[in-house]
Amino acid sequence: MSLRRAALPALAATALLLTACTPAEFAREQTAADRPDSVVAGADGSVDVATLRYVGKADAYDVYLARAADDGDALCLSLTLDDVWQATECEPDYVSIRISDTVSVDADLSYRSGEDREMISDNVWVSRK
């Protein structure tokens, strides 16, 4: 068996694994609306701005999802209110930002569709207590 033929299954498995860990939000091209100056400046280099995507609203906040600049596997959430940056948090696989005593915005790559969540995109939702 040739080396190329032996390597093909390994490459296919790696590609499948990487695709499974990529949030659906990153599948589309970035637009200007995905990359507001307030988030780029406010996040202060913590997010990979090439992966920054607008995902929706959580109450009055605009919510953005990205990968961390220093760890391509970590997810980041950024929030703006009236176009003013409010917060950015980055964590591996699961990240949450509290927007009030009873409400938070969460992102997770292992979301299961049977769970009852107020989804704002494929991997981002609002949690209410």
C-alpha atoms as a PDB file:
ATOM      1  CA  MET A   1       0.000   0.000   0.000  1.00  0.00           C
ATOM      2  CA  SER A   2       1.425   3.386  -0.927  1.00  0.00           C
ATOM      3  CA  LEU A   3       2.052   6.068   1.660  1.00  0.00           C
ATOM      4  CA  ARG A   4      -0.447   8.364  -0.058  1.00  0.00           C
ATOM      5  CA  ARG A   5      -3.176   5.710   0.036  1.00  0.00           C
ATOM      6  CA  ALA A   6      -2.482   5.016   3.734  1.00  0.00           C
ATOM      7  CA  ALA A   7      -2.581   8.728   4.643  1.00  0.00           C
ATOM      8  CA  LEU A   8      -5.919   9.419   2.918  1.00  0.00           C
ATOM      9  CA  PRO A   9      -8.163   7.914   5.649  1.00  0.00           C
ATOM     10  CA  ALA A  10      -6.244   9.804   8.350  1.00  0.00           C
ATOM     11  CA  LEU A  11      -6.651  13.091   6.474  1.00  0.00           C
ATOM     12  CA  ALA A  12     -10.372  12.469   5.950  1.00  0.00           C
ATOM     13  CA  ALA A  13     -10.858  11.699   9.657  1.00  0.00           C
ATOM     14  CA  THR A  14      -8.990  14.875  10.642  1.00  0.00           C
ATOM     15  CA  ALA A  15     -11.088  17.012   8.302  1.00  0.00           C
ATOM     16  CA  LEU A  16     -14.294  15.498   9.705  1.00  0.00           C
ATOM     17  CA  LEU A  17     -13.161  16.140  13.270  1.00  0.00           C
ATOM     18  CA  LEU A  18     -12.280  19.770  12.526  1.00  0.00           C
ATOM     19  CA  THR A  19     -15.599  20.339  10.767  1.00  0.00           C
ATOM     20  CA  ALA A  20     -17.529  18.869  13.702  1.00  0.00           C
ATOM     21  CA  CYS A  21     -15.868  21.365  16.069  1.00  0.00           C
ATOM     22  CA  THR A  22     -16.516  24.411  13.903  1.00  0.00           C
ATOM     23  CA  PRO A  23     -19.578  26.457  14.871  1.00  0.00           C
ATOM     24  CA  ALA A  24     -22.087  26.886  12.053  1.00  0.00           C
ATOM     25  CA  GLU A  25     -21.877  30.648  12.553  1.00  0.00           C
ATOM     26  CA  PHE A  26     -18.361  30.620  11.029  1.00  0.00           C
ATOM     27  CA  ALA A  27     -19.520  28.856   7.836  1.00  0.00           C
ATOM     28  CA  ARG A  28     -20.600  32.081   6.135  1.00  0.00           C
ATOM     29  CA  GLU A  29     -18.418  34.907   4.871  1.00  0.00           C
ATOM     30  CA  GLN A  30     -17.742  37.777   7.264  1.00  0.00           C
ATOM     31  CA  THR A  31     -19.497  41.064   6.468  1.00  0.00           C
ATOM     32  CA  ALA A  32     -18.894  44.594   7.773  1.00  0.00           C
ATOM     33  CA  ALA A  33     -21.805  44.104  10.215  1.00  0.00           C
ATOM     34  CA  ASP A  34     -19.922  41.151  11.753  1.00  0.00           C
ATOM     35  CA  ARG A  35     -16.920  43.292  12.651  1.00  0.00           C
ATOM     36  CA  PRO A  36     -17.957  46.484  14.484  1.00  0.00           C
ATOM     37  CA  ASP A  37     -15.124  48.814  15.455  1.00  0.00           C
ATOM     38  CA  SER A  38     -16.408  48.931  19.055  1.00  0.00           C
ATOM     39  CA  VAL A  39     -15.885  45.168  19.493  1.00  0.00           C
ATOM     40  CA  VAL A  40     -12.517  45.123  17.737  1.00  0.00           C
ATOM     41  CA  ALA A  41     -11.242  47.960  19.976  1.00  0.00           C
ATOM     42  CA  GLY A  42     -13.029  46.829  23.160  1.00  0.00           C
ATOM     43  CA  ALA A  43     -11.915  43.208  22.941  1.00  0.00           C
ATOM     44  CA  ASP A  44      -8.336  44.556  22.916  1.00  0.00           C
ATOM     45  CA  GLY A  45      -6.782  41.765  20.865  1.00  0.00           C
ATOM     46  CA  SER A  46      -8.474  38.883  22.698  1.00  0.00           C
ATOM     47  CA  VAL A  47     -10.551  37.782  19.680  1.00  0.00           C
ATOM     48  CA  ASP A  48      -9.500  36.642  16.228  1.00  0.00           C
ATOM     49  CA  VAL A  49     -11.307  39.429  14.340  1.00  0.00           C
ATOM     50  CA  ALA A  50     -11.325  37.357  11.137  1.00  0.00           C
ATOM     51  CA  THR A  51     -13.731  34.929  12.893  1.00  0.00           C
ATOM     52  CA  LEU A  52     -15.981  37.591  14.457  1.00  0.00           C
ATOM     53  CA  ARG A  53     -19.648  37.083  13.508  1.00  0.00           C
ATOM     54  CA  TYR A  54     -22.869  38.832  14.529  1.00  0.00           C
ATOM     55  CA  VAL A  55     -25.252  36.148  15.811  1.00  0.00           C
ATOM     56  CA  GLY A  56     -28.291  38.058  17.073  1.00  0.00           C
ATOM     57  CA  LYS A  57     -29.860  39.935  19.956  1.00  0.00           C
ATOM     58  CA  ALA A  58     -30.132  39.074  23.627  1.00  0.00           C
ATOM     59  CA  ASP A  59     -32.597  41.535  25.093  1.00  0.00           C
ATOM     60  CA  ALA A  60     -31.132  44.944  24.074  1.00  0.00           C
ATOM     61  CA  TYR A  61     -27.600  43.596  23.464  1.00  0.00           C
ATOM     62  CA  ASP A  62     -26.066  42.716  20.097  1.00  0.00           C
ATOM     63  CA  VAL A  63     -24.168  39.427  20.402  1.00  0.00           C
ATOM     64  CA  TYR A  64     -21.011  38.442  18.489  1.00  0.00           C
ATOM     65  CA  LEU A  65     -19.247  35.061  18.408  1.00  0.00           C
ATOM     66  CA  ALA A  66     -15.541  34.591  17.590  1.00  0.00           C
ATOM     67  CA  ARG A  67     -12.523  32.413  18.254  1.00  0.00           C
ATOM     68  CA  ALA A  68      -9.893  33.571  20.737  1.00  0.00           C
ATOM     69  CA  ALA A  69      -6.805  35.225  19.237  1.00  0.00           C
ATOM     70  CA  ASP A  70      -4.391  33.197  21.363  1.00  0.00           C
ATOM     71  CA  ASP A  71      -6.310  29.875  21.307  1.00  0.00           C
ATOM     72  CA  GLY A  72      -8.118  28.957  18.078  1.00  0.00           C
ATOM     73  CA  ASP A  73     -10.158  26.336  19.941  1.00  0.00           C
ATOM     74  CA  ALA A  74     -11.609  28.759  22.516  1.00  0.00           C
ATOM     75  CA  LEU A  75     -14.920  30.508  21.853  1.00  0.00           C
ATOM     76  CA  CYS A  76     -15.481  34.191  22.572  1.00  0.00           C
ATOM     77  CA  LEU A  77     -18.697  36.102  23.095  1.00  0.00           C
ATOM     78  CA  SER A  78     -18.765  39.885  22.761  1.00  0.00           C
ATOM     79  CA  LEU A  79     -21.688  42.143  23.596  1.00  0.00           C
ATOM     80  CA  THR A  80     -22.511  45.676  22.512  1.00  0.00           C
ATOM     81  CA  LEU A  81     -25.307  47.944  23.674  1.00  0.00           C
ATOM     82  CA  ASP A  82     -26.270  50.820  21.367  1.00  0.00           C
ATOM     83  CA  ASP A  83     -23.069  50.169  19.358  1.00  0.00           C
ATOM     84  CA  VAL A  84     -20.885  50.527  22.478  1.00  0.00           C
ATOM     85  CA  TRP A  85     -18.741  47.537  23.475  1.00  0.00           C
ATOM     86  CA  GLN A  86     -19.800  46.077  26.855  1.00  0.00           C
ATOM     87  CA  ALA A  87     -17.925  42.807  27.418  1.00  0.00           C
ATOM     88  CA  THR A  88     -15.913  40.005  25.852  1.00  0.00           C
ATOM     89  CA  GLU A  89     -15.342  36.585  27.429  1.00  0.00           C
ATOM     90  CA  CYS A  90     -13.346  33.694  25.941  1.00  0.00           C
ATOM     91  CA  GLU A  91     -13.286  30.078  27.179  1.00  0.00           C
ATOM     92  CA  PRO A  92     -12.664  26.629  25.658  1.00  0.00           C
ATOM     93  CA  ASP A  93     -15.879  25.094  24.222  1.00  0.00           C
ATOM     94  CA  TYR A  94     -18.354  26.907  26.536  1.00  0.00           C
ATOM     95  CA  VAL A  95     -18.556  30.617  27.328  1.00  0.00           C
ATOM     96  CA  SER A  96     -21.117  32.707  29.201  1.00  0.00           C
ATOM     97  CA  ILE A  97     -21.662  36.418  29.858  1.00  0.00           C
ATOM     98  CA  ARG A  98     -24.173  37.554  32.476  1.00  0.00           C
ATOM     99  CA  ILE A  99     -26.256  40.550  31.306  1.00  0.00           C
ATOM    100  CA  SER A 100     -28.391  40.844  34.455  1.00  0.00           C
ATOM    101  CA  ASP A 101     -29.026  39.021  37.725  1.00  0.00           C
ATOM    102  CA  THR A 102     -31.276  36.550  35.913  1.00  0.00           C
ATOM    103  CA  VAL A 103     -30.108  36.534  32.284  1.00  0.00           C
ATOM    104  CA  SER A 104     -26.930  35.375  30.562  1.00  0.00           C
ATOM    105  CA  VAL A 105     -25.784  34.767  27.001  1.00  0.00           C
ATOM    106  CA  ASP A 106     -24.106  31.382  26.456  1.00  0.00           C
ATOM    107  CA  ALA A 107     -22.283  29.609  23.624  1.00  0.00           C
ATOM    108  CA  ASP A 108     -21.397  25.934  23.447  1.00  0.00           C
ATOM    109  CA  LEU A 109     -20.211  23.604  20.689  1.00  0.00           C
ATOM    110  CA  SER A 110     -21.960  20.580  22.209  1.00  0.00           C
ATOM    111  CA  TYR A 111     -25.506  21.971  22.192  1.00  0.00           C
ATOM    112  CA  ARG A 112     -28.087  19.202  21.953  1.00  0.00           C
ATOM    113  CA  SER A 113     -31.234  20.169  20.064  1.00  0.00           C
ATOM    114  CA  GLY A 114     -33.537  18.405  22.563  1.00  0.00           C
ATOM    115  CA  GLU A 115     -32.574  20.859  25.295  1.00  0.00           C
ATOM    116  CA  ASP A 116     -34.999  23.709  25.962  1.00  0.00           C
ATOM    117  CA  ARG A 117     -33.058  26.887  25.196  1.00  0.00           C
ATOM    118  CA  GLU A 118     -33.880  30.322  23.813  1.00  0.00           C
ATOM    119  CA  MET A 119     -31.570  30.058  20.778  1.00  0.00           C
ATOM    120  CA  ILE A 120     -30.338  33.173  18.993  1.00  0.00           C
ATOM    121  CA  SER A 121     -28.105  31.210  16.594  1.00  0.00           C
ATOM    122  CA  ASP A 122     -26.974  27.595  16.119  1.00  0.00           C
ATOM    123  CA  ASN A 123     -24.561  27.630  19.077  1.00  0.00           C
ATOM    124  CA  VAL A 124     -25.581  30.731  21.081  1.00  0.00           C
ATOM    125  CA  TRP A 125     -28.586  31.131  23.379  1.00  0.00           C
ATOM    126  CA  VAL A 126     -30.094  33.244  26.164  1.00  0.00           C
ATOM    127  CA  SER A 127     -30.459  31.638  29.615  1.00  0.00           C
ATOM    128  CA  ARG A 128     -33.070  32.992  32.014  1.00  0.00           C
ATOM    129  CA  LYS A 129     -33.517  32.063  35.669  1.00  0.00           C
END
